[in-house]
């Protein structure tokens, strides 16, 4: 029998559970971050001024995370961006990712943000299977200009 998944804001005492998930997310995208970066991001998440975080809890244990932010754009003043979404591989397929996506959507609606979007890599087939069910693929291709 499956346990119950609950979505809550990240809490100060979630740090130990959060970091392995954040590392897993960065590892998937082939990035290695120093511990100081995780410390900095955690502080920003706890301040919840410009960066926000949610946890998916399976029977109380943090098994997934979502990081999001609100910003403006040229044509729409109020936009919500889902920056990171990651669920522990051992519990994938139980609905945590979908619940995290929906919880961020609810936050965007509650704050009057009419646009909500995210990015993923083309090869992220498993996640794209879910994304194709809950959102519309807009067809954009992203380029990153080397700044240094």
N, C-alpha and C. Protein backbone atom coordinates (compact mmCIF):
# COMPACT_ATOMS: atom_id res chain seq x y z
N UNK A 1 0.83 -1.18 0.00
CA UNK A 1 0.00 0.00 0.00
C UNK A 1 0.88 1.25 0.00
N UNK A 2 0.51 2.22 -0.85
CA UNK A 2 1.24 3.47 -0.92
C UNK A 2 0.97 4.33 0.29
N UNK A 3 1.98 5.10 0.70
CA UNK A 3 1.80 6.06 1.77
C UNK A 3 1.19 7.33 1.23
N UNK A 4 0.91 8.23 2.13
CA UNK A 4 0.31 9.51 1.74
C UNK A 4 1.40 10.53 1.45
N UNK A 5 1.26 11.25 0.33
CA UNK A 5 2.19 12.31 -0.03
C UNK A 5 1.54 13.64 0.31
N UNK A 6 2.29 14.45 1.05
CA UNK A 6 1.82 15.78 1.45
C UNK A 6 2.84 16.79 0.94
N UNK A 7 2.36 17.95 0.48
CA UNK A 7 3.24 19.02 0.02
C UNK A 7 3.19 20.14 1.05
N UNK A 8 4.38 20.57 1.49
CA UNK A 8 4.50 21.65 2.47
C UNK A 8 5.65 22.56 2.05
N UNK A 9 5.70 23.77 2.60
CA UNK A 9 6.91 24.57 2.40
C UNK A 9 8.10 23.85 3.04
N UNK A 10 9.27 24.09 2.50
CA UNK A 10 10.47 23.58 3.16
C UNK A 10 10.59 24.24 4.53
N UNK A 11 11.03 23.46 5.51
CA UNK A 11 11.16 23.95 6.88
C UNK A 11 12.63 23.93 7.28
N UNK A 12 12.96 24.74 8.24
CA UNK A 12 14.33 24.85 8.73
C UNK A 12 14.93 23.47 9.04
N UNK A 13 14.15 22.58 9.64
CA UNK A 13 14.67 21.26 10.02
C UNK A 13 14.70 20.26 8.86
N UNK A 14 14.42 20.71 7.63
CA UNK A 14 14.48 19.84 6.44
C UNK A 14 15.85 19.84 5.79
N UNK A 15 16.78 20.61 6.30
CA UNK A 15 18.07 20.78 5.63
C UNK A 15 18.74 19.45 5.32
N UNK A 16 18.81 18.54 6.28
CA UNK A 16 19.50 17.25 6.07
C UNK A 16 18.84 16.42 4.98
N UNK A 17 17.53 16.50 4.85
CA UNK A 17 16.82 15.75 3.81
C UNK A 17 16.87 16.46 2.46
N UNK A 18 16.91 17.78 2.50
CA UNK A 18 16.90 18.59 1.27
C UNK A 18 18.19 18.44 0.47
N UNK A 19 19.34 18.51 1.13
CA UNK A 19 20.59 18.57 0.38
C UNK A 19 20.83 17.36 -0.53
N UNK A 20 20.61 16.12 -0.09
CA UNK A 20 20.82 15.01 -1.04
C UNK A 20 19.91 15.09 -2.27
N UNK A 21 18.71 15.62 -2.10
CA UNK A 21 17.82 15.78 -3.25
C UNK A 21 18.33 16.89 -4.17
N UNK A 22 18.81 17.99 -3.58
CA UNK A 22 19.37 19.08 -4.38
C UNK A 22 20.63 18.60 -5.12
N UNK A 23 21.45 17.81 -4.45
CA UNK A 23 22.64 17.25 -5.10
C UNK A 23 22.20 16.31 -6.24
N UNK A 24 21.20 15.49 -6.01
CA UNK A 24 20.68 14.60 -7.05
C UNK A 24 20.21 15.37 -8.27
N UNK A 25 19.52 16.48 -8.03
CA UNK A 25 19.05 17.32 -9.12
C UNK A 25 20.24 17.84 -9.94
N UNK A 26 21.24 18.39 -9.25
CA UNK A 26 22.40 18.93 -9.96
C UNK A 26 23.21 17.83 -10.65
N UNK A 27 23.30 16.68 -10.04
CA UNK A 27 24.01 15.56 -10.65
C UNK A 27 23.32 15.15 -11.95
N UNK A 28 21.99 15.11 -11.95
CA UNK A 28 21.26 14.76 -13.18
C UNK A 28 21.64 15.71 -14.32
N UNK A 29 21.80 16.98 -14.00
CA UNK A 29 22.16 17.97 -15.02
C UNK A 29 23.68 18.15 -15.15
N UNK A 30 24.43 17.18 -14.60
CA UNK A 30 25.88 17.10 -14.74
C UNK A 30 26.58 18.35 -14.20
N UNK A 31 26.10 18.80 -13.03
CA UNK A 31 26.72 19.94 -12.35
C UNK A 31 27.19 19.49 -10.98
N UNK A 32 28.35 19.99 -10.60
CA UNK A 32 28.87 19.76 -9.26
C UNK A 32 28.95 21.12 -8.58
N UNK A 33 28.29 21.23 -7.45
CA UNK A 33 28.26 22.49 -6.71
C UNK A 33 29.02 22.33 -5.40
N UNK A 34 29.77 23.34 -5.00
CA UNK A 34 30.45 23.27 -3.70
C UNK A 34 29.43 23.39 -2.56
N UNK A 35 29.81 22.89 -1.39
CA UNK A 35 28.92 22.96 -0.23
C UNK A 35 28.48 24.39 0.06
N UNK A 36 29.35 25.36 -0.17
CA UNK A 36 29.00 26.76 0.09
C UNK A 36 27.81 27.20 -0.75
N UNK A 37 27.69 26.67 -1.95
CA UNK A 37 26.54 27.01 -2.80
C UNK A 37 25.26 26.46 -2.19
N UNK A 38 25.30 25.23 -1.70
CA UNK A 38 24.11 24.66 -1.05
C UNK A 38 23.76 25.45 0.21
N UNK A 39 24.77 25.88 0.96
CA UNK A 39 24.52 26.72 2.14
C UNK A 39 23.82 28.01 1.74
N UNK A 40 24.30 28.65 0.69
CA UNK A 40 23.73 29.91 0.22
C UNK A 40 22.29 29.72 -0.26
N UNK A 41 22.07 28.70 -1.07
CA UNK A 41 20.72 28.44 -1.58
C UNK A 41 19.77 28.13 -0.43
N UNK A 42 20.22 27.35 0.53
CA UNK A 42 19.35 27.02 1.68
C UNK A 42 18.95 28.29 2.43
N UNK A 43 19.90 29.19 2.65
CA UNK A 43 19.56 30.45 3.32
C UNK A 43 18.53 31.24 2.54
N UNK A 44 18.69 31.29 1.22
CA UNK A 44 17.72 32.00 0.37
C UNK A 44 16.35 31.34 0.44
N UNK A 45 16.33 30.02 0.44
CA UNK A 45 15.04 29.32 0.55
C UNK A 45 14.36 29.61 1.88
N UNK A 46 15.12 29.65 2.94
CA UNK A 46 14.55 29.90 4.26
C UNK A 46 14.08 31.36 4.41
N UNK A 47 14.75 32.28 3.73
CA UNK A 47 14.30 33.68 3.74
C UNK A 47 12.98 33.83 2.99
N UNK A 48 12.81 33.03 1.93
CA UNK A 48 11.59 33.01 1.11
C UNK A 48 11.21 34.40 0.59
N UNK A 49 12.22 35.19 0.24
CA UNK A 49 11.96 36.51 -0.33
C UNK A 49 11.88 36.43 -1.85
N UNK A 50 12.92 35.90 -2.46
CA UNK A 50 12.95 35.81 -3.91
C UNK A 50 12.93 34.37 -4.41
N UNK A 51 13.27 33.44 -3.57
CA UNK A 51 13.31 32.02 -3.92
C UNK A 51 12.47 31.26 -2.91
N UNK A 52 11.65 30.34 -3.40
CA UNK A 52 10.74 29.59 -2.54
C UNK A 52 10.95 28.09 -2.74
N UNK A 53 10.67 27.32 -1.70
CA UNK A 53 10.87 25.89 -1.79
C UNK A 53 9.72 25.11 -1.16
N UNK A 54 9.39 24.01 -1.81
CA UNK A 54 8.38 23.08 -1.31
C UNK A 54 9.00 21.71 -1.13
N UNK A 55 8.41 20.95 -0.23
CA UNK A 55 8.84 19.56 -0.01
C UNK A 55 7.66 18.64 -0.24
N UNK A 56 7.93 17.52 -0.88
CA UNK A 56 6.96 16.42 -0.96
C UNK A 56 7.35 15.46 0.15
N UNK A 57 6.40 15.16 1.01
CA UNK A 57 6.65 14.28 2.16
C UNK A 57 5.83 13.01 2.00
N UNK A 58 6.50 11.90 2.02
CA UNK A 58 5.85 10.60 1.98
C UNK A 58 5.89 10.06 3.40
N UNK A 59 4.71 9.95 4.00
CA UNK A 59 4.62 9.53 5.40
C UNK A 59 5.54 10.36 6.29
N UNK A 60 5.62 11.67 6.00
CA UNK A 60 6.41 12.59 6.80
C UNK A 60 7.85 12.77 6.37
N UNK A 61 8.37 11.90 5.52
CA UNK A 61 9.78 11.95 5.09
C UNK A 61 9.89 12.74 3.78
N UNK A 62 10.84 13.68 3.70
CA UNK A 62 11.02 14.49 2.49
C UNK A 62 11.57 13.60 1.37
N UNK A 63 10.80 13.49 0.29
CA UNK A 63 11.20 12.64 -0.84
C UNK A 63 11.26 13.42 -2.16
N UNK A 64 10.89 14.69 -2.12
CA UNK A 64 10.92 15.50 -3.33
C UNK A 64 10.98 16.97 -2.98
N UNK A 65 11.53 17.75 -3.91
CA UNK A 65 11.65 19.18 -3.70
C UNK A 65 11.28 19.94 -4.96
N UNK A 66 10.80 21.15 -4.77
CA UNK A 66 10.56 22.08 -5.86
C UNK A 66 11.04 23.45 -5.40
N UNK A 67 11.78 24.13 -6.26
CA UNK A 67 12.22 25.50 -6.02
C UNK A 67 11.58 26.37 -7.10
N UNK A 68 11.04 27.50 -6.72
CA UNK A 68 10.40 28.37 -7.69
C UNK A 68 10.60 29.83 -7.31
N UNK A 69 10.36 30.69 -8.27
CA UNK A 69 10.48 32.12 -8.05
C UNK A 69 9.47 32.85 -8.91
N UNK A 70 9.19 34.06 -8.49
CA UNK A 70 8.30 34.94 -9.24
C UNK A 70 9.16 36.02 -9.88
N UNK A 71 8.82 36.40 -11.11
CA UNK A 71 9.56 37.46 -11.77
C UNK A 71 8.66 38.19 -12.76
N UNK A 72 9.20 39.23 -13.33
CA UNK A 72 8.49 39.96 -14.36
C UNK A 72 9.09 39.60 -15.71
N UNK A 73 8.37 39.88 -16.76
CA UNK A 73 8.92 39.71 -18.10
C UNK A 73 8.46 40.91 -18.94
N UNK A 74 8.87 40.96 -20.17
CA UNK A 74 8.54 42.11 -21.01
C UNK A 74 7.04 42.23 -21.24
N UNK A 75 6.38 41.12 -21.56
CA UNK A 75 4.98 41.19 -21.99
C UNK A 75 3.99 40.80 -20.91
N UNK A 76 4.47 40.15 -19.87
CA UNK A 76 3.60 39.75 -18.76
C UNK A 76 4.30 40.17 -17.48
N UNK A 77 3.63 40.98 -16.68
CA UNK A 77 4.27 41.50 -15.47
C UNK A 77 4.55 40.44 -14.42
N UNK A 78 3.73 39.42 -14.35
CA UNK A 78 3.80 38.49 -13.23
C UNK A 78 3.93 37.06 -13.76
N UNK A 79 5.12 36.49 -13.55
CA UNK A 79 5.43 35.16 -14.07
C UNK A 79 6.00 34.30 -12.94
N UNK A 80 5.62 33.03 -12.93
CA UNK A 80 6.16 32.07 -11.97
C UNK A 80 7.04 31.07 -12.73
N UNK A 81 8.24 30.87 -12.24
CA UNK A 81 9.19 29.95 -12.86
C UNK A 81 9.53 28.82 -11.90
N UNK A 82 9.26 27.61 -12.30
CA UNK A 82 9.66 26.41 -11.55
C UNK A 82 11.11 26.13 -11.92
N UNK A 83 12.01 26.49 -11.02
CA UNK A 83 13.44 26.40 -11.31
C UNK A 83 13.96 24.98 -11.20
N UNK A 84 13.55 24.25 -10.16
CA UNK A 84 14.07 22.91 -9.90
C UNK A 84 12.93 22.02 -9.41
N UNK A 85 12.95 20.79 -9.88
CA UNK A 85 12.00 19.78 -9.42
C UNK A 85 12.74 18.46 -9.38
N UNK A 86 12.72 17.80 -8.23
CA UNK A 86 13.44 16.53 -8.12
C UNK A 86 12.75 15.66 -7.08
N UNK A 87 12.61 14.39 -7.44
CA UNK A 87 12.00 13.40 -6.55
C UNK A 87 12.97 12.22 -6.42
N UNK A 88 13.10 11.74 -5.20
CA UNK A 88 13.94 10.58 -4.92
C UNK A 88 13.56 9.44 -5.87
N UNK A 89 14.57 8.88 -6.51
CA UNK A 89 14.34 7.82 -7.49
C UNK A 89 13.53 6.65 -6.93
N UNK A 90 13.70 6.36 -5.65
CA UNK A 90 13.01 5.22 -5.04
C UNK A 90 11.50 5.40 -4.94
N UNK A 91 11.02 6.63 -5.04
CA UNK A 91 9.57 6.86 -4.91
C UNK A 91 8.95 7.49 -6.15
N UNK A 92 9.70 7.53 -7.23
CA UNK A 92 9.14 8.09 -8.47
C UNK A 92 7.96 7.25 -8.95
N UNK A 93 7.04 7.93 -9.59
CA UNK A 93 5.85 7.25 -10.11
C UNK A 93 4.71 7.18 -9.11
N UNK A 94 4.89 7.76 -7.93
CA UNK A 94 3.83 7.73 -6.91
C UNK A 94 3.07 9.05 -6.82
N UNK A 95 3.40 10.00 -7.68
CA UNK A 95 2.64 11.25 -7.73
C UNK A 95 3.27 12.46 -7.08
N UNK A 96 4.45 12.32 -6.51
CA UNK A 96 5.07 13.46 -5.81
C UNK A 96 5.38 14.61 -6.77
N UNK A 97 5.92 14.33 -7.93
CA UNK A 97 6.28 15.39 -8.88
C UNK A 97 5.03 16.15 -9.34
N UNK A 98 4.00 15.43 -9.67
CA UNK A 98 2.75 16.08 -10.09
C UNK A 98 2.19 16.96 -8.97
N UNK A 99 2.22 16.47 -7.76
CA UNK A 99 1.73 17.25 -6.63
C UNK A 99 2.57 18.50 -6.40
N UNK A 100 3.88 18.39 -6.57
CA UNK A 100 4.74 19.56 -6.44
C UNK A 100 4.43 20.59 -7.53
N UNK A 101 4.27 20.13 -8.76
CA UNK A 101 3.92 21.03 -9.87
C UNK A 101 2.60 21.74 -9.57
N UNK A 102 1.61 20.98 -9.13
CA UNK A 102 0.30 21.57 -8.83
C UNK A 102 0.36 22.53 -7.65
N UNK A 103 1.19 22.24 -6.67
CA UNK A 103 1.33 23.12 -5.50
C UNK A 103 1.96 24.46 -5.92
N UNK A 104 2.95 24.42 -6.80
CA UNK A 104 3.54 25.67 -7.29
C UNK A 104 2.49 26.44 -8.09
N UNK A 105 1.70 25.75 -8.90
CA UNK A 105 0.63 26.41 -9.65
C UNK A 105 -0.35 27.09 -8.70
N UNK A 106 -0.69 26.43 -7.62
CA UNK A 106 -1.60 27.01 -6.64
C UNK A 106 -1.00 28.27 -6.01
N UNK A 107 0.30 28.25 -5.71
CA UNK A 107 0.97 29.44 -5.17
C UNK A 107 0.95 30.57 -6.19
N UNK A 108 1.21 30.25 -7.45
CA UNK A 108 1.19 31.29 -8.49
C UNK A 108 -0.20 31.91 -8.60
N UNK A 109 -1.22 31.07 -8.62
CA UNK A 109 -2.60 31.58 -8.68
C UNK A 109 -2.92 32.45 -7.47
N UNK A 110 -2.55 31.99 -6.30
CA UNK A 110 -2.85 32.70 -5.06
C UNK A 110 -2.20 34.09 -5.03
N UNK A 111 -1.08 34.23 -5.71
CA UNK A 111 -0.38 35.52 -5.75
C UNK A 111 -0.68 36.31 -7.02
N UNK A 112 -1.61 35.83 -7.84
CA UNK A 112 -2.03 36.56 -9.03
C UNK A 112 -1.08 36.50 -10.21
N UNK A 113 -0.33 35.41 -10.31
CA UNK A 113 0.60 35.24 -11.42
C UNK A 113 -0.07 34.41 -12.52
N UNK A 114 -0.35 35.01 -13.69
CA UNK A 114 -1.09 34.32 -14.73
C UNK A 114 -0.26 33.37 -15.60
N UNK A 115 1.07 33.41 -15.47
CA UNK A 115 1.92 32.54 -16.30
C UNK A 115 2.83 31.73 -15.39
N UNK A 116 2.97 30.44 -15.73
CA UNK A 116 3.78 29.50 -14.95
C UNK A 116 4.48 28.59 -15.94
N UNK A 117 5.80 28.49 -15.83
CA UNK A 117 6.56 27.70 -16.81
C UNK A 117 7.80 27.09 -16.16
N UNK A 118 8.42 26.17 -16.90
CA UNK A 118 9.68 25.57 -16.49
C UNK A 118 10.41 25.06 -17.71
N UNK A 119 11.66 24.68 -17.53
CA UNK A 119 12.51 24.15 -18.59
C UNK A 119 12.97 22.76 -18.19
N UNK A 120 13.28 21.95 -19.18
CA UNK A 120 13.94 20.67 -18.94
C UNK A 120 14.76 20.33 -20.16
N UNK A 121 15.68 19.40 -20.01
CA UNK A 121 16.47 18.97 -21.16
C UNK A 121 15.67 18.01 -22.02
N UNK A 122 15.96 18.04 -23.30
CA UNK A 122 15.26 17.20 -24.26
C UNK A 122 15.34 15.72 -23.91
N UNK A 123 16.47 15.29 -23.36
CA UNK A 123 16.66 13.87 -23.05
C UNK A 123 15.99 13.43 -21.75
N UNK A 124 15.35 14.34 -21.04
CA UNK A 124 14.71 13.99 -19.77
C UNK A 124 13.35 13.35 -20.06
N UNK A 125 13.38 12.19 -20.65
CA UNK A 125 12.19 11.51 -21.18
C UNK A 125 11.17 11.20 -20.09
N UNK A 126 11.61 10.69 -18.97
CA UNK A 126 10.66 10.31 -17.93
C UNK A 126 9.88 11.53 -17.42
N UNK A 127 10.60 12.60 -17.12
CA UNK A 127 9.94 13.82 -16.65
C UNK A 127 9.05 14.41 -17.73
N UNK A 128 9.50 14.40 -18.96
CA UNK A 128 8.70 14.95 -20.05
C UNK A 128 7.40 14.19 -20.24
N UNK A 129 7.39 12.91 -19.90
CA UNK A 129 6.14 12.15 -19.95
C UNK A 129 5.09 12.75 -19.03
N UNK A 130 5.51 13.15 -17.83
CA UNK A 130 4.61 13.83 -16.90
C UNK A 130 4.29 15.24 -17.40
N UNK A 131 5.30 15.98 -17.80
CA UNK A 131 5.09 17.36 -18.23
C UNK A 131 4.11 17.44 -19.39
N UNK A 132 4.18 16.48 -20.30
CA UNK A 132 3.25 16.46 -21.43
C UNK A 132 1.80 16.24 -20.98
N UNK A 133 1.62 15.65 -19.82
CA UNK A 133 0.27 15.42 -19.28
C UNK A 133 -0.28 16.65 -18.56
N UNK A 134 0.59 17.41 -17.90
CA UNK A 134 0.12 18.51 -17.06
C UNK A 134 0.31 19.89 -17.66
N UNK A 135 1.07 20.00 -18.73
CA UNK A 135 1.37 21.31 -19.32
C UNK A 135 1.46 21.19 -20.84
N UNK A 136 1.67 22.33 -21.47
CA UNK A 136 1.77 22.39 -22.93
C UNK A 136 3.21 22.70 -23.31
N UNK A 137 3.80 21.88 -24.17
CA UNK A 137 5.15 22.13 -24.69
C UNK A 137 5.07 23.32 -25.64
N UNK A 138 5.84 24.36 -25.36
CA UNK A 138 5.77 25.60 -26.15
C UNK A 138 6.74 25.61 -27.32
N UNK A 139 7.60 24.59 -27.44
CA UNK A 139 8.47 24.49 -28.60
C UNK A 139 9.74 25.31 -28.58
N UNK A 140 10.08 25.94 -27.46
CA UNK A 140 11.26 26.78 -27.41
C UNK A 140 12.54 25.95 -27.26
N UNK A 141 13.61 26.48 -27.79
CA UNK A 141 14.96 25.92 -27.64
C UNK A 141 15.76 26.97 -26.90
N UNK A 142 16.49 26.59 -25.88
CA UNK A 142 17.23 27.51 -25.04
C UNK A 142 18.70 27.57 -25.46
N UNK A 143 19.26 28.77 -25.45
CA UNK A 143 20.69 28.98 -25.66
C UNK A 143 21.26 29.70 -24.45
N UNK A 144 22.48 29.32 -24.04
CA UNK A 144 23.18 29.99 -22.95
C UNK A 144 24.43 30.65 -23.52
N UNK A 145 24.52 31.94 -23.39
CA UNK A 145 25.69 32.68 -23.86
C UNK A 145 26.79 32.58 -22.81
N UNK A 146 28.03 32.24 -23.19
CA UNK A 146 29.11 32.14 -22.21
C UNK A 146 29.50 33.52 -21.69
N UNK A 147 29.36 33.74 -20.40
CA UNK A 147 29.61 35.04 -19.80
C UNK A 147 31.00 35.17 -19.15
N UNK A 148 31.76 34.13 -19.20
CA UNK A 148 33.07 34.27 -18.57
C UNK A 148 33.92 33.07 -18.74
